[in-house]
């Protein structure tokens, strides 16, 4: 069969690798350490926000570690934190996750529909029918 494993907001949880073992696709939320500090600097409740983020989200490198340990075919990073900082782009996400994941990778954006086709070029944004959101 075919399988997609979706990991919502969660701190780094190594047992997830056993659950996702051999999946076709692992969808995992991710954050960037430097992005947290930039996000915290913009808000009025910085210390509380930092504590929440660290307790309930995974770094991109950690998502990559789960994908590697699970031996999945493709990792899709979604629910990116921060998602909208002008100084952080797709290259930053790729660089972070490549520290621990060398396999197929998709950096999700709003509207991305992920299918079980082997060709991610067939994955495209379909607004109005959003399957994965940040």
Foldseek 3Di string as FASTA:
>chain_A
DADEAEDDWAEQDLVVLVVLAAHQEYEFEAEAPVLLVVVLVPDPPNVVSSVVCNGTHYHLCSQLQSCVSRVYQEYEYAPYRVPDDPVDDPVNSVVNSVVRHDHHYHHDAWQWDDDSDPDCVPIDGDPPDTDGHD
